Amino acid sequence: MINVLLIEDSAVFVMGLKLALSASPSFGNVDSVASPGAAVAYLNAHPETDIAVVDITLEAETDGLTLLGILREAFPGVKTLVLSHYKNPAYILRAITSGACAYLAKDSAPESIVDAITDVAAGKCLFFGETIDSAKILRIFGGEENLSARKPQGLTPRELDVLQFTASGYSNSQIASALEISVNTVDSYKERIKVKFGLDSIVECVAIAAAKGIVTV
């Protein structure tokens, strides 16, 4: 029997998902909490929990993406699956690199969500559901080969160049001139860098890269 914790602050969505899970004989306890703090307290009290289903837009002190990292460190035996309205590649990348075994959109069919939870509990990864554009997944993983190896792609040499020039204070036009590419191409590289870092700001990417010694400021 699979024991599930739903970390979700929409009572209506929780009710619907509990109904879908209760129709399958594979599931045991299916409980829900509405905040990260309550999730940690629940998992401390219920070590038998197998799966945590996490919404990334919790109306609480910690968002779901940050919570994934907390759960990975504190409860390594609990597998995590994200259910979200968002299909943003940056969110998907952050979820996977934070330990999620699956990322499904909330407009997925109920049976697809049930199947994904069942498969994740059995040790299978990764799942993205039928309503997330497969091209986004390939872009995050850098093609079929990396997807098969289940690892997001790293920065390419040219992306590293763009990131280093950015860290050095170069404008987009200056980077374009230095690398002999167009300004639009520079913008494209920056978007790809943000996706790979799972961040919305190139400034944040520079800060993280500098802290890791990837670039110098």
C-alpha atoms as a PDB file:
ATOM      1  CA  MET A   1       0.000   0.000   0.000  1.00  0.00           C
ATOM      2  CA  ILE A   2       1.288   3.443  -0.963  1.00  0.00           C
ATOM      3  CA  ASN A   3       0.983   6.137   1.704  1.00  0.00           C
ATOM      4  CA  VAL A   4       0.669   9.636   0.275  1.00  0.00           C
ATOM      5  CA  LEU A   5       0.889  13.158   1.664  1.00  0.00           C
ATOM      6  CA  LEU A   6      -0.673  15.930  -0.435  1.00  0.00           C
ATOM      7  CA  ILE A   7       0.987  19.309   0.222  1.00  0.00           C
ATOM      8  CA  GLU A   8      -1.611  21.567  -1.295  1.00  0.00           C
ATOM      9  CA  ASP A   9      -3.554  24.608  -0.104  1.00  0.00           C
ATOM     10  CA  SER A  10      -6.513  24.237  -2.470  1.00  0.00           C
ATOM     11  CA  ALA A  11      -9.194  22.312  -0.605  1.00  0.00           C
ATOM     12  CA  VAL A  12     -11.098  21.641  -3.831  1.00  0.00           C
ATOM     13  CA  PHE A  13      -8.064  20.172  -5.573  1.00  0.00           C
ATOM     14  CA  VAL A  14      -7.224  18.043  -2.524  1.00  0.00           C
ATOM     15  CA  MET A  15     -10.769  16.687  -2.440  1.00  0.00           C
ATOM     16  CA  GLY A  16     -10.630  15.719  -6.126  1.00  0.00           C
ATOM     17  CA  LEU A  17      -7.226  14.069  -5.904  1.00  0.00           C
ATOM     18  CA  LYS A  18      -8.151  12.135  -2.769  1.00  0.00           C
ATOM     19  CA  LEU A  19     -11.230  10.860  -4.596  1.00  0.00           C
ATOM     20  CA  ALA A  20      -9.107   9.726  -7.559  1.00  0.00           C
ATOM     21  CA  LEU A  21      -6.582   7.975  -5.305  1.00  0.00           C
ATOM     22  CA  SER A  22      -9.232   6.298  -3.184  1.00  0.00           C
ATOM     23  CA  ALA A  23     -10.536   4.532  -6.306  1.00  0.00           C
ATOM     24  CA  SER A  24      -7.258   2.596  -6.587  1.00  0.00           C
ATOM     25  CA  PRO A  25      -6.531  -0.366  -4.290  1.00  0.00           C
ATOM     26  CA  SER A  26      -2.807   0.529  -4.394  1.00  0.00           C
ATOM     27  CA  PHE A  27      -3.138   3.367  -1.889  1.00  0.00           C
ATOM     28  CA  GLY A  28      -3.259   3.293   1.895  1.00  0.00           C
ATOM     29  CA  ASN A  29      -3.269   6.510   3.891  1.00  0.00           C
ATOM     30  CA  VAL A  30      -3.821   9.642   1.813  1.00  0.00           C
ATOM     31  CA  ASP A  31      -3.530  12.744   3.998  1.00  0.00           C
ATOM     32  CA  SER A  32      -3.110  16.430   3.221  1.00  0.00           C
ATOM     33  CA  VAL A  33      -1.531  19.551   4.694  1.00  0.00           C
ATOM     34  CA  ALA A  34      -1.627  23.124   3.455  1.00  0.00           C
ATOM     35  CA  SER A  35       1.815  24.473   4.395  1.00  0.00           C
ATOM     36  CA  PRO A  36       5.497  23.478   4.382  1.00  0.00           C
ATOM     37  CA  GLY A  37       5.711  23.638   8.176  1.00  0.00           C
ATOM     38  CA  ALA A  38       2.763  21.292   8.520  1.00  0.00           C
ATOM     39  CA  ALA A  39       4.346  18.978   5.928  1.00  0.00           C
ATOM     40  CA  VAL A  40       7.576  18.667   7.908  1.00  0.00           C
ATOM     41  CA  ALA A  41       5.645  18.060  11.133  1.00  0.00           C
ATOM     42  CA  TYR A  42       3.482  15.412   9.447  1.00  0.00           C
ATOM     43  CA  LEU A  43       6.443  13.550   7.947  1.00  0.00           C
ATOM     44  CA  ASN A  44       8.234  13.549  11.284  1.00  0.00           C
ATOM     45  CA  ALA A  45       5.163  11.931  12.826  1.00  0.00           C
ATOM     46  CA  HIS A  46       4.484   9.557   9.901  1.00  0.00           C
ATOM     47  CA  PRO A  47       7.755   7.948   8.747  1.00  0.00           C
ATOM     48  CA  GLU A  48       5.746   5.379   6.789  1.00  0.00           C
ATOM     49  CA  THR A  49       4.876   8.005   4.141  1.00  0.00           C
ATOM     50  CA  ASP A  50       6.062   6.947   0.682  1.00  0.00           C
ATOM     51  CA  ILE A  51       5.183   9.880  -1.571  1.00  0.00           C
ATOM     52  CA  ALA A  52       4.793  13.627  -1.080  1.00  0.00           C
ATOM     53  CA  VAL A  53       2.808  15.414  -3.786  1.00  0.00           C
ATOM     54  CA  VAL A  54       3.860  19.068  -3.748  1.00  0.00           C
ATOM     55  CA  ASP A  55       2.238  22.198  -5.156  1.00  0.00           C
ATOM     56  CA  ILE A  56       4.904  24.830  -5.887  1.00  0.00           C
ATOM     57  CA  THR A  57       2.679  27.873  -5.265  1.00  0.00           C
ATOM     58  CA  LEU A  58       1.807  27.389  -1.620  1.00  0.00           C
ATOM     59  CA  GLU A  59       0.379  30.431   0.164  1.00  0.00           C
ATOM     60  CA  ALA A  60       2.797  29.974   3.054  1.00  0.00           C
ATOM     61  CA  GLU A  61       6.178  30.918   4.408  1.00  0.00           C
ATOM     62  CA  THR A  62       8.092  28.654   2.000  1.00  0.00           C
ATOM     63  CA  ASP A  63       7.260  27.925  -1.633  1.00  0.00           C
ATOM     64  CA  GLY A  64       6.975  24.375  -2.898  1.00  0.00           C
ATOM     65  CA  LEU A  65      10.241  24.466  -4.856  1.00  0.00           C
ATOM     66  CA  THR A  66      12.202  25.399  -1.749  1.00  0.00           C
ATOM     67  CA  LEU A  67      10.287  22.769   0.202  1.00  0.00           C
ATOM     68  CA  LEU A  68      11.472  20.061  -2.213  1.00  0.00           C
ATOM     69  CA  GLY A  69      15.068  20.651  -1.166  1.00  0.00           C
ATOM     70  CA  ILE A  70      14.106  20.586   2.506  1.00  0.00           C
ATOM     71  CA  LEU A  71      12.283  17.287   2.074  1.00  0.00           C
ATOM     72  CA  ARG A  72      15.177  15.748   0.146  1.00  0.00           C
ATOM     73  CA  GLU A  73      17.580  16.534   2.988  1.00  0.00           C
ATOM     74  CA  ALA A  74      15.290  15.762   5.929  1.00  0.00           C
ATOM     75  CA  PHE A  75      13.320  12.805   4.539  1.00  0.00           C
ATOM     76  CA  PRO A  76      15.445  11.021   1.906  1.00  0.00           C
ATOM     77  CA  GLY A  77      13.117   8.023   1.966  1.00  0.00           C
ATOM     78  CA  VAL A  78      10.135  10.067   0.792  1.00  0.00           C
ATOM     79  CA  LYS A  79       9.843  10.448  -2.973  1.00  0.00           C
ATOM     80  CA  THR A  80       8.428  13.734  -4.266  1.00  0.00           C
ATOM     81  CA  LEU A  81       6.180  14.579  -7.185  1.00  0.00           C
ATOM     82  CA  VAL A  82       5.201  18.100  -8.238  1.00  0.00           C
ATOM     83  CA  LEU A  83       1.733  19.091  -9.403  1.00  0.00           C
ATOM     84  CA  SER A  84       1.520  22.659 -10.659  1.00  0.00           C
ATOM     85  CA  HIS A  85      -0.411  25.027 -12.897  1.00  0.00           C
ATOM     86  CA  TYR A  86       2.940  26.240 -14.225  1.00  0.00           C
ATOM     87  CA  LYS A  87       4.669  24.662 -17.223  1.00  0.00           C
ATOM     88  CA  ASN A  88       7.643  27.026 -17.101  1.00  0.00           C
ATOM     89  CA  PRO A  89      10.925  25.232 -17.963  1.00  0.00           C
ATOM     90  CA  ALA A  90      12.704  27.076 -15.143  1.00  0.00           C
ATOM     91  CA  TYR A  91      10.271  25.667 -12.590  1.00  0.00           C
ATOM     92  CA  ILE A  92      10.554  22.177 -14.058  1.00  0.00           C
ATOM     93  CA  LEU A  93      14.357  22.318 -13.913  1.00  0.00           C
ATOM     94  CA  ARG A  94      14.383  23.577 -10.311  1.00  0.00           C
ATOM     95  CA  ALA A  95      11.958  20.847  -9.290  1.00  0.00           C
ATOM     96  CA  ILE A  96      14.002  18.050 -10.857  1.00  0.00           C
ATOM     97  CA  THR A  97      17.323  19.347  -9.536  1.00  0.00           C
ATOM     98  CA  SER A  98      15.708  19.657  -6.090  1.00  0.00           C
ATOM     99  CA  GLY A  99      14.902  15.964  -6.099  1.00  0.00           C
ATOM    100  CA  ALA A 100      11.405  15.658  -7.610  1.00  0.00           C
ATOM    101  CA  CYS A 101      10.811  12.410  -9.459  1.00  0.00           C
ATOM    102  CA  ALA A 102       7.966  13.821 -11.526  1.00  0.00           C
ATOM    103  CA  TYR A 103       6.501  17.152 -12.596  1.00  0.00           C
ATOM    104  CA  LEU A 104       2.935  17.100 -13.844  1.00  0.00           C
ATOM    105  CA  ALA A 105       0.627  19.941 -14.751  1.00  0.00           C
ATOM    106  CA  LYS A 106      -2.624  20.207 -12.816  1.00  0.00           C
ATOM    107  CA  ASP A 107      -4.580  19.897 -16.049  1.00  0.00           C
ATOM    108  CA  SER A 108      -3.334  16.305 -16.408  1.00  0.00           C
ATOM    109  CA  ALA A 109      -5.988  13.621 -16.453  1.00  0.00           C
ATOM    110  CA  PRO A 110      -6.662  12.206 -12.956  1.00  0.00           C
ATOM    111  CA  GLU A 111      -5.705   8.713 -14.076  1.00  0.00           C
ATOM    112  CA  SER A 112      -2.344  10.054 -15.343  1.00  0.00           C
ATOM    113  CA  ILE A 113      -1.616  11.573 -11.943  1.00  0.00           C
ATOM    114  CA  VAL A 114      -2.575   8.329 -10.186  1.00  0.00           C
ATOM    115  CA  ASP A 115      -0.370   6.319 -12.569  1.00  0.00           C
ATOM    116  CA  ALA A 116       2.571   8.696 -12.048  1.00  0.00           C
ATOM    117  CA  ILE A 117       2.316   8.455  -8.258  1.00  0.00           C
ATOM    118  CA  THR A 118       2.154   4.667  -8.505  1.00  0.00           C
ATOM    119  CA  ASP A 119       5.190   4.496 -10.812  1.00  0.00           C
ATOM    120  CA  VAL A 120       7.239   6.919  -8.695  1.00  0.00           C
ATOM    121  CA  ALA A 121       6.457   4.825  -5.613  1.00  0.00           C
ATOM    122  CA  ALA A 122       7.790   1.812  -7.517  1.00  0.00           C
ATOM    123  CA  GLY A 123      11.078   3.628  -8.098  1.00  0.00           C
ATOM    124  CA  LYS A 124      10.546   4.817 -11.646  1.00  0.00           C
ATOM    125  CA  CYS A 125      11.479   8.326 -12.850  1.00  0.00           C
ATOM    126  CA  LEU A 126      11.002  10.787 -14.572  1.00  0.00           C
ATOM    127  CA  PHE A 127       7.443  11.692 -15.504  1.00  0.00           C
ATOM    128  CA  PHE A 128       6.123  14.926 -16.965  1.00  0.00           C
ATOM    129  CA  GLY A 129       2.575  14.065 -18.007  1.00  0.00           C
ATOM    130  CA  GLU A 130       0.852  14.480 -21.321  1.00  0.00           C
ATOM    131  CA  THR A 131       0.112  18.202 -21.093  1.00  0.00           C
ATOM    132  CA  ILE A 132       3.703  19.505 -20.777  1.00  0.00           C
ATOM    133  CA  ASP A 133       5.360  20.177 -24.137  1.00  0.00           C
ATOM    134  CA  SER A 134       7.977  17.478 -24.698  1.00  0.00           C
ATOM    135  CA  ALA A 135      10.183  20.029 -26.491  1.00  0.00           C
ATOM    136  CA  LYS A 136      10.564  21.871 -23.177  1.00  0.00           C
ATOM    137  CA  ILE A 137      11.757  18.700 -21.502  1.00  0.00           C
ATOM    138  CA  LEU A 138      14.314  18.006 -24.224  1.00  0.00           C
ATOM    139  CA  ARG A 139      15.549  21.604 -23.987  1.00  0.00           C
ATOM    140  CA  ILE A 140      16.081  21.249 -20.227  1.00  0.00           C
ATOM    141  CA  PHE A 141      17.925  17.952 -20.557  1.00  0.00           C
ATOM    142  CA  GLY A 142      19.853  18.835 -23.701  1.00  0.00           C
ATOM    143  CA  GLY A 143      18.383  16.108 -25.899  1.00  0.00           C
ATOM    144  CA  GLU A 144      17.378  12.471 -25.768  1.00  0.00           C
ATOM    145  CA  GLU A 145      20.775  11.268 -24.555  1.00  0.00           C
ATOM    146  CA  ASN A 146      20.767  13.416 -21.439  1.00  0.00           C
ATOM    147  CA  LEU A 147      17.101  12.658 -20.840  1.00  0.00           C
ATOM    148  CA  SER A 148      17.891   8.952 -20.916  1.00  0.00           C
ATOM    149  CA  ALA A 149      20.680   9.594 -18.403  1.00  0.00           C
ATOM    150  CA  ARG A 150      18.254  11.732 -16.377  1.00  0.00           C
ATOM    151  CA  LYS A 151      20.546  14.699 -15.930  1.00  0.00           C
ATOM    152  CA  PRO A 152      19.895  18.323 -16.915  1.00  0.00           C
ATOM    153  CA  GLN A 153      22.459  19.642 -19.340  1.00  0.00           C
ATOM    154  CA  GLY A 154      25.247  21.912 -18.156  1.00  0.00           C
ATOM    155  CA  LEU A 155      26.334  25.212 -19.646  1.00  0.00           C
ATOM    156  CA  THR A 156      27.911  25.117 -23.094  1.00  0.00           C
ATOM    157  CA  PRO A 157      31.237  26.939 -23.704  1.00  0.00           C
ATOM    158  CA  ARG A 158      29.410  29.783 -25.439  1.00  0.00           C
ATOM    159  CA  GLU A 159      26.896  30.083 -22.601  1.00  0.00           C
ATOM    160  CA  LEU A 160      29.816  30.253 -20.175  1.00  0.00           C
ATOM    161  CA  ASP A 161      31.300  33.052 -22.277  1.00  0.00           C
ATOM    162  CA  VAL A 162      28.038  35.006 -22.174  1.00  0.00           C
ATOM    163  CA  LEU A 163      27.722  34.463 -18.422  1.00  0.00           C
ATOM    164  CA  GLN A 164      31.318  35.592 -17.806  1.00  0.00           C
ATOM    165  CA  PHE A 165      30.915  38.713 -19.934  1.00  0.00           C
ATOM    166  CA  THR A 166      27.698  39.476 -18.051  1.00  0.00           C
ATOM    167  CA  ALA A 167      29.489  39.028 -14.732  1.00  0.00           C
ATOM    168  CA  SER A 168      32.149  41.443 -15.971  1.00  0.00           C
ATOM    169  CA  GLY A 169      29.535  44.126 -16.596  1.00  0.00           C
ATOM    170  CA  TYR A 170      29.279  43.929 -20.372  1.00  0.00           C
ATOM    171  CA  SER A 171      26.023  45.029 -21.984  1.00  0.00           C
ATOM    172  CA  ASN A 172      24.244  42.809 -24.502  1.00  0.00           C
ATOM    173  CA  SER A 173      25.593  44.864 -27.415  1.00  0.00           C
ATOM    174  CA  GLN A 174      29.137  44.661 -26.030  1.00  0.00           C
ATOM    175  CA  ILE A 175      28.830  40.885 -25.588  1.00  0.00           C
ATOM    176  CA  ALA A 176      27.505  40.571 -29.133  1.00  0.00           C
ATOM    177  CA  SER A 177      30.444  42.545 -30.477  1.00  0.00           C
ATOM    178  CA  ALA A 178      33.017  40.587 -28.462  1.00  0.00           C
ATOM    179  CA  LEU A 179      31.629  37.207 -29.520  1.00  0.00           C
ATOM    180  CA  GLU A 180      30.694  38.316 -33.060  1.00  0.00           C
ATOM    181  CA  ILE A 181      27.064  37.299 -32.663  1.00  0.00           C
ATOM    182  CA  SER A 182      23.782  39.229 -32.752  1.00  0.00           C
ATOM    183  CA  VAL A 183      22.165  40.897 -29.753  1.00  0.00           C
ATOM    184  CA  ASN A 184      19.178  38.586 -30.226  1.00  0.00           C
ATOM    185  CA  THR A 185      21.515  35.594 -29.959  1.00  0.00           C
ATOM    186  CA  VAL A 186      22.913  36.987 -26.718  1.00  0.00           C
ATOM    187  CA  ASP A 187      19.355  37.259 -25.394  1.00  0.00           C
ATOM    188  CA  SER A 188      18.722  33.634 -26.411  1.00  0.00           C
ATOM    189  CA  TYR A 189      21.841  32.459 -24.572  1.00  0.00           C
ATOM    190  CA  LYS A 190      20.750  34.321 -21.445  1.00  0.00           C
ATOM    191  CA  GLU A 191      17.311  32.708 -21.577  1.00  0.00           C
ATOM    192  CA  ARG A 192      18.899  29.274 -21.847  1.00  0.00           C
ATOM    193  CA  ILE A 193      21.204  30.062 -18.923  1.00  0.00           C
ATOM    194  CA  LYS A 194      18.234  31.073 -16.771  1.00  0.00           C
ATOM    195  CA  VAL A 195      16.429  27.851 -17.643  1.00  0.00           C
ATOM    196  CA  LYS A 196      19.453  25.760 -16.716  1.00  0.00           C
ATOM    197  CA  PHE A 197      19.871  27.573 -13.395  1.00  0.00           C
ATOM    198  CA  GLY A 198      16.121  27.424 -12.731  1.00  0.00           C
ATOM    199  CA  LEU A 199      16.054  31.180 -12.084  1.00  0.00           C
ATOM    200  CA  ASP A 200      14.148  34.115 -13.526  1.00  0.00           C
ATOM    201  CA  SER A 201      16.969  36.681 -13.447  1.00  0.00           C
ATOM    202  CA  ILE A 202      20.368  36.623 -15.147  1.00  0.00           C
ATOM    203  CA  VAL A 203      21.706  38.628 -12.191  1.00  0.00           C
ATOM    204  CA  GLU A 204      20.780  35.750  -9.883  1.00  0.00           C
ATOM    205  CA  CYS A 205      22.507  33.337 -12.266  1.00  0.00           C
ATOM    206  CA  VAL A 206      25.681  35.405 -12.100  1.00  0.00           C
ATOM    207  CA  ALA A 207      25.533  35.483  -8.302  1.00  0.00           C
ATOM    208  CA  ILE A 208      25.135  31.702  -8.047  1.00  0.00           C
ATOM    209  CA  ALA A 209      27.813  31.071 -10.675  1.00  0.00           C
ATOM    210  CA  ALA A 210      30.234  33.406  -8.885  1.00  0.00           C
ATOM    211  CA  ALA A 211      29.596  31.709  -5.546  1.00  0.00           C
ATOM    212  CA  LYS A 212      30.391  28.355  -7.180  1.00  0.00           C
ATOM    213  CA  GLY A 213      33.517  29.683  -8.868  1.00  0.00           C
ATOM    214  CA  ILE A 214      32.075  29.234 -12.365  1.00  0.00           C
ATOM    215  CA  VAL A 215      32.643  32.908 -13.221  1.00  0.00           C
ATOM    216  CA  THR A 216      34.574  35.773 -11.662  1.00  0.00           C
ATOM    217  CA  VAL A 217      33.058  39.164 -10.894  1.00  0.00           C
END
